[in-house]
Amino acid sequence: MKLRIENMTCGGCARSVTATIKELDEHARVEIDVATKLVEIETGVHQDEIIAALTEDGFPPVAV
């Protein structure tokens, strides 16, 4: 899945986003490009669950 997170502005934000995703699936593959604000995730966890967790942690994403 690909998500855009508009308020992800730095490496610290990227680490927080990765940590949130890894809490749901420690084996998830997460690639982040802070410059384009895109997150690409390979996981068995449903997209809605990922979106809810990121939103709760202050990084509301939009599916792209």
C-alpha atoms as a PDB file:
ATOM      1  CA  MET A   1       0.000   0.000   0.000  1.00  0.00           C
ATOM      2  CA  LYS A   2       1.079   3.586  -0.573  1.00  0.00           C
ATOM      3  CA  LEU A   3       0.179   6.426   1.749  1.00  0.00           C
ATOM      4  CA  ARG A   4       0.876  10.176   1.728  1.00  0.00           C
ATOM      5  CA  ILE A   5       1.436  11.846   5.102  1.00  0.00           C
ATOM      6  CA  GLU A   6       1.415  15.615   4.668  1.00  0.00           C
ATOM      7  CA  ASN A   7       2.741  16.474   8.146  1.00  0.00           C
ATOM      8  CA  MET A   8       5.735  14.087   7.937  1.00  0.00           C
ATOM      9  CA  THR A   9       8.524  16.629   7.610  1.00  0.00           C
ATOM     10  CA  CYS A  10      11.720  15.074   8.981  1.00  0.00           C
ATOM     11  CA  GLY A  11      13.610  11.914   9.816  1.00  0.00           C
ATOM     12  CA  GLY A  12      12.142  11.916  13.309  1.00  0.00           C
ATOM     13  CA  CYS A  13       8.653  11.862  11.842  1.00  0.00           C
ATOM     14  CA  ALA A  14       9.668   9.010   9.538  1.00  0.00           C
ATOM     15  CA  ARG A  15      11.011   7.011  12.502  1.00  0.00           C
ATOM     16  CA  SER A  16       7.745   7.558  14.397  1.00  0.00           C
ATOM     17  CA  VAL A  17       5.684   6.443  11.395  1.00  0.00           C
ATOM     18  CA  THR A  18       7.860   3.333  10.982  1.00  0.00           C
ATOM     19  CA  ALA A  19       7.557   2.514  14.695  1.00  0.00           C
ATOM     20  CA  THR A  20       3.759   2.792  14.562  1.00  0.00           C
ATOM     21  CA  ILE A  21       3.580   0.421  11.599  1.00  0.00           C
ATOM     22  CA  LYS A  22       6.042  -2.034  13.182  1.00  0.00           C
ATOM     23  CA  GLU A  23       3.875  -2.141  16.337  1.00  0.00           C
ATOM     24  CA  LEU A  24       1.103  -3.608  14.170  1.00  0.00           C
ATOM     25  CA  ASP A  25       3.390  -5.909  12.151  1.00  0.00           C
ATOM     26  CA  GLU A  26       7.007  -6.295  13.201  1.00  0.00           C
ATOM     27  CA  HIS A  27       7.787  -7.935   9.838  1.00  0.00           C
ATOM     28  CA  ALA A  28       6.300  -5.150   7.710  1.00  0.00           C
ATOM     29  CA  ARG A  29       8.524  -3.648   5.026  1.00  0.00           C
ATOM     30  CA  VAL A  30       8.367   0.140   5.253  1.00  0.00           C
ATOM     31  CA  GLU A  31       9.955   2.542   2.761  1.00  0.00           C
ATOM     32  CA  ILE A  32       9.647   6.258   3.395  1.00  0.00           C
ATOM     33  CA  ASP A  33      10.524   9.244   1.221  1.00  0.00           C
ATOM     34  CA  VAL A  34      10.256  12.308   3.451  1.00  0.00           C
ATOM     35  CA  ALA A  35      10.761  14.701   0.513  1.00  0.00           C
ATOM     36  CA  THR A  36       7.634  13.444  -1.272  1.00  0.00           C
ATOM     37  CA  LYS A  37       5.843  12.505   1.990  1.00  0.00           C
ATOM     38  CA  LEU A  38       5.196   9.001   0.636  1.00  0.00           C
ATOM     39  CA  VAL A  39       5.198   5.764   2.629  1.00  0.00           C
ATOM     40  CA  GLU A  40       5.182   2.389   0.907  1.00  0.00           C
ATOM     41  CA  ILE A  41       4.232  -0.546   3.121  1.00  0.00           C
ATOM     42  CA  GLU A  42       4.206  -4.288   2.554  1.00  0.00           C
ATOM     43  CA  THR A  43       2.203  -5.958   5.328  1.00  0.00           C
ATOM     44  CA  GLY A  44      -0.624  -8.364   5.972  1.00  0.00           C
ATOM     45  CA  VAL A  45      -2.356  -5.779   8.162  1.00  0.00           C
ATOM     46  CA  HIS A  46      -5.453  -4.178   6.604  1.00  0.00           C
ATOM     47  CA  GLN A  47      -4.967  -0.637   5.293  1.00  0.00           C
ATOM     48  CA  ASP A  48      -7.751   0.753   7.504  1.00  0.00           C
ATOM     49  CA  GLU A  49      -5.929  -0.504  10.601  1.00  0.00           C
ATOM     50  CA  ILE A  50      -2.670   1.160   9.511  1.00  0.00           C
ATOM     51  CA  ILE A  51      -4.482   4.435   8.741  1.00  0.00           C
ATOM     52  CA  ALA A  52      -6.257   4.409  12.122  1.00  0.00           C
ATOM     53  CA  ALA A  53      -3.008   3.789  14.036  1.00  0.00           C
ATOM     54  CA  LEU A  54      -1.084   6.507  12.163  1.00  0.00           C
ATOM     55  CA  THR A  55      -3.944   8.985  12.615  1.00  0.00           C
ATOM     56  CA  GLU A  56      -4.050   8.235  16.348  1.00  0.00           C
ATOM     57  CA  ASP A  57      -0.297   8.907  16.549  1.00  0.00           C
ATOM     58  CA  GLY A  58      -0.652  12.297  14.856  1.00  0.00           C
ATOM     59  CA  PHE A  59       0.273  11.340  11.288  1.00  0.00           C
ATOM     60  CA  PRO A  60      -3.029  11.112   9.381  1.00  0.00           C
ATOM     61  CA  PRO A  61      -2.332   9.511   6.005  1.00  0.00           C
ATOM     62  CA  VAL A  62      -4.191   9.537   2.703  1.00  0.00           C
ATOM     63  CA  ALA A  63      -4.125   6.468   0.444  1.00  0.00           C
ATOM     64  CA  VAL A  64      -2.571   7.093  -2.969  1.00  0.00           C
END
